[in-house]
Every structure is written in C-alpha cells, then in structure tokens.
C-alpha atoms as a PDB file:
ATOM      1  CA  UNK A   1     -45.915  50.815  34.276  1.00  0.00           C
ATOM      2  CA  UNK A   2     -42.564  53.031  33.150  1.00  0.00           C
ATOM      3  CA  UNK A   3     -45.359  51.784  30.146  1.00  0.00           C
ATOM      4  CA  UNK A   4     -47.894  53.565  31.685  1.00  0.00           C
ATOM      5  CA  UNK A   5     -46.014  56.732  33.024  1.00  0.00           C
ATOM      6  CA  UNK A   6     -44.423  57.565  29.958  1.00  0.00           C
ATOM      7  CA  UNK A   7     -47.855  57.547  28.309  1.00  0.00           C
ATOM      8  CA  UNK A   8     -49.370  60.454  31.415  1.00  0.00           C
ATOM      9  CA  UNK A   9     -46.288  61.669  30.861  1.00  0.00           C
ATOM     10  CA  UNK A  10     -46.812  61.872  26.513  1.00  0.00           C
ATOM     11  CA  UNK A  11     -50.445  62.835  27.436  1.00  0.00           C
ATOM     12  CA  UNK A  12     -49.879  65.857  30.303  1.00  0.00           C
ATOM     13  CA  UNK A  13     -47.322  67.476  27.464  1.00  0.00           C
ATOM     14  CA  UNK A  14     -49.549  67.594  24.370  1.00  0.00           C
ATOM     15  CA  UNK A  15     -52.369  68.324  27.046  1.00  0.00           C
ATOM     16  CA  UNK A  16     -49.297  71.773  27.915  1.00  0.00           C
ATOM     17  CA  UNK A  17     -49.307  72.410  24.362  1.00  0.00           C
ATOM     18  CA  UNK A  18     -52.420  72.321  23.777  1.00  0.00           C
ATOM     19  CA  UNK A  19     -53.466  75.027  27.075  1.00  0.00           C
ATOM     20  CA  UNK A  20     -50.717  77.592  25.293  1.00  0.00           C
ATOM     21  CA  UNK A  21     -52.530  77.431  22.084  1.00  0.00           C
ATOM     22  CA  UNK A  22     -55.707  78.498  24.017  1.00  0.00           C
ATOM     23  CA  UNK A  23     -53.814  81.416  26.102  1.00  0.00           C
ATOM     24  CA  UNK A  24     -52.214  82.368  22.859  1.00  0.00           C
ATOM     25  CA  UNK A  25     -55.318  82.263  20.711  1.00  0.00           C
ATOM     26  CA  UNK A  26     -57.446  83.953  23.848  1.00  0.00           C
ATOM     27  CA  UNK A  27     -55.025  87.008  24.143  1.00  0.00           C
ATOM     28  CA  UNK A  28     -54.749  87.794  20.567  1.00  0.00           C
ATOM     29  CA  UNK A  29     -58.555  87.724  20.301  1.00  0.00           C
ATOM     30  CA  UNK A  30     -59.286  89.988  23.036  1.00  0.00           C
ATOM     31  CA  UNK A  31     -56.093  92.356  22.435  1.00  0.00           C
ATOM     32  CA  UNK A  32     -56.248  92.593  19.192  1.00  0.00           C
ATOM     33  CA  UNK A  33     -59.581  94.002  18.894  1.00  0.00           C
ATOM     34  CA  UNK A  34     -58.660  96.406  22.342  1.00  0.00           C
ATOM     35  CA  UNK A  35     -55.929  98.113  19.545  1.00  0.00           C
ATOM     36  CA  UNK A  36     -58.534  98.702  17.120  1.00  0.00           C
ATOM     37  CA  UNK A  37     -60.746 100.573  19.241  1.00  0.00           C
ATOM     38  CA  UNK A  38     -57.791 102.965  21.543  1.00  0.00           C
ATOM     39  CA  UNK A  39     -57.043 102.941  17.251  1.00  0.00           C
ATOM     40  CA  UNK A  40     -60.387 104.718  16.641  1.00  0.00           C
ATOM     41  CA  UNK A  41     -60.393 107.337  19.947  1.00  0.00           C
ATOM     42  CA  UNK A  42     -57.270 108.115  18.879  1.00  0.00           C
ATOM     43  CA  UNK A  43     -58.984 108.964  15.332  1.00  0.00           C
ATOM     44  CA  UNK A  44     -61.662 110.347  17.387  1.00  0.00           C
ATOM     45  CA  UNK A  45     -59.401 112.473  19.826  1.00  0.00           C
ATOM     46  CA  UNK A  46     -57.114 114.049  16.767  1.00  0.00           C
ATOM     47  CA  UNK A  47     -61.177 114.407  15.074  1.00  0.00           C
ATOM     48  CA  UNK A  48     -62.454 117.156  17.949  1.00  0.00           C
ATOM     49  CA  UNK A  49     -61.984 119.768  20.492  1.00  0.00           C
ATOM     50  CA  UNK A  50     -64.577 119.799  22.878  1.00  0.00           C
ATOM     51  CA  UNK A  51     -63.596 119.645  25.782  1.00  0.00           C
ATOM     52  CA  UNK A  52     -67.068 116.674  27.331  1.00  0.00           C
ATOM     53  CA  UNK A  53     -65.523 114.445  24.066  1.00  0.00           C
ATOM     54  CA  UNK A  54     -62.166 114.545  25.046  1.00  0.00           C
ATOM     55  CA  UNK A  55     -62.562 114.449  28.582  1.00  0.00           C
ATOM     56  CA  UNK A  56     -64.959 110.868  28.121  1.00  0.00           C
ATOM     57  CA  UNK A  57     -62.861 109.608  25.153  1.00  0.00           C
ATOM     58  CA  UNK A  58     -59.845 109.769  27.055  1.00  0.00           C
ATOM     59  CA  UNK A  59     -61.880 107.533  29.783  1.00  0.00           C
ATOM     60  CA  UNK A  60     -62.624 104.826  27.353  1.00  0.00           C
ATOM     61  CA  UNK A  61     -59.414 104.566  26.310  1.00  0.00           C
ATOM     62  CA  UNK A  62     -58.403 103.918  30.469  1.00  0.00           C
ATOM     63  CA  UNK A  63     -61.072 101.838  30.762  1.00  0.00           C
ATOM     64  CA  UNK A  64     -58.744 100.146  27.864  1.00  0.00           C
ATOM     65  CA  UNK A  65     -55.446 100.379  28.948  1.00  0.00           C
ATOM     66  CA  UNK A  66     -56.477  99.112  32.245  1.00  0.00           C
ATOM     67  CA  UNK A  67     -58.343  95.995  30.801  1.00  0.00           C
ATOM     68  CA  UNK A  68     -55.873  95.474  28.378  1.00  0.00           C
ATOM     69  CA  UNK A  69     -53.535  95.269  31.125  1.00  0.00           C
ATOM     70  CA  UNK A  70     -55.148  93.383  33.392  1.00  0.00           C
ATOM     71  CA  UNK A  71     -54.383  90.703  30.145  1.00  0.00           C
ATOM     72  CA  UNK A  72     -50.809  90.354  29.790  1.00  0.00           C
ATOM     73  CA  UNK A  73     -50.912  90.070  33.306  1.00  0.00           C
ATOM     74  CA  UNK A  74     -52.793  86.945  32.841  1.00  0.00           C
ATOM     75  CA  UNK A  75     -50.513  86.313  30.857  1.00  0.00           C
ATOM     76  CA  UNK A  76     -47.079  86.564  32.587  1.00  0.00           C
ATOM     77  CA  UNK A  77     -49.560  84.612  34.744  1.00  0.00           C
ATOM     78  CA  UNK A  78     -49.395  81.823  32.681  1.00  0.00           C
ATOM     79  CA  UNK A  79     -45.623  82.617  31.359  1.00  0.00           C
ATOM     80  CA  UNK A  80     -44.514  81.955  34.901  1.00  0.00           C
ATOM     81  CA  UNK A  81     -46.552  78.868  35.438  1.00  0.00           C
ATOM     82  CA  UNK A  82     -45.451  77.428  32.404  1.00  0.00           C
ATOM     83  CA  UNK A  83     -41.866  77.713  33.003  1.00  0.00           C
ATOM     84  CA  UNK A  84     -42.236  76.591  37.356  1.00  0.00           C
ATOM     85  CA  UNK A  85     -43.651  73.171  35.779  1.00  0.00           C
END
C-alpha cells in the first residue's frame, strides 16, 4: 500500500512539473507576439501625425495590453494554486 501511495505521489509530482512547463511555454508563446506587436505600434505612432491613425493605434495598443494583463492574471492564479498544493 505504501508503495502504491509513493507511486501515485511520484506521478502527481511529475504531472505538476509538466503542467508548470506547459503554462510557462504557453504564456511565453502568447506574450512574446504581443510584445512584438506593441513594438510595431510604437514605431507606427512615431511615424504618423494623423490624429485618426494615432487614435486607432492607441485603441489596438489598449486591447493588446488588456490581453497581456489577462494572460498575467491567469499565470498569477496558476502560481497561487501551485503554492497552495
């Protein structure tokens, strides 16, 4: 019985480690393109003086920042859950 419990515990530890790697990978794979897009928007904002275009770029940047914040919130929640377990 103790052997079975040790094996289950080992499997859970391995699953948690794999989940950690997955969450890190997904967050990186999602956040990296967002950072690149923000960089392009910043350059575009420097290259134009048209108020309408600046407004559109600002709206896109705001949406990207909201998405990035959502991803960060998910990561924080996951980390809190990991600490509790």
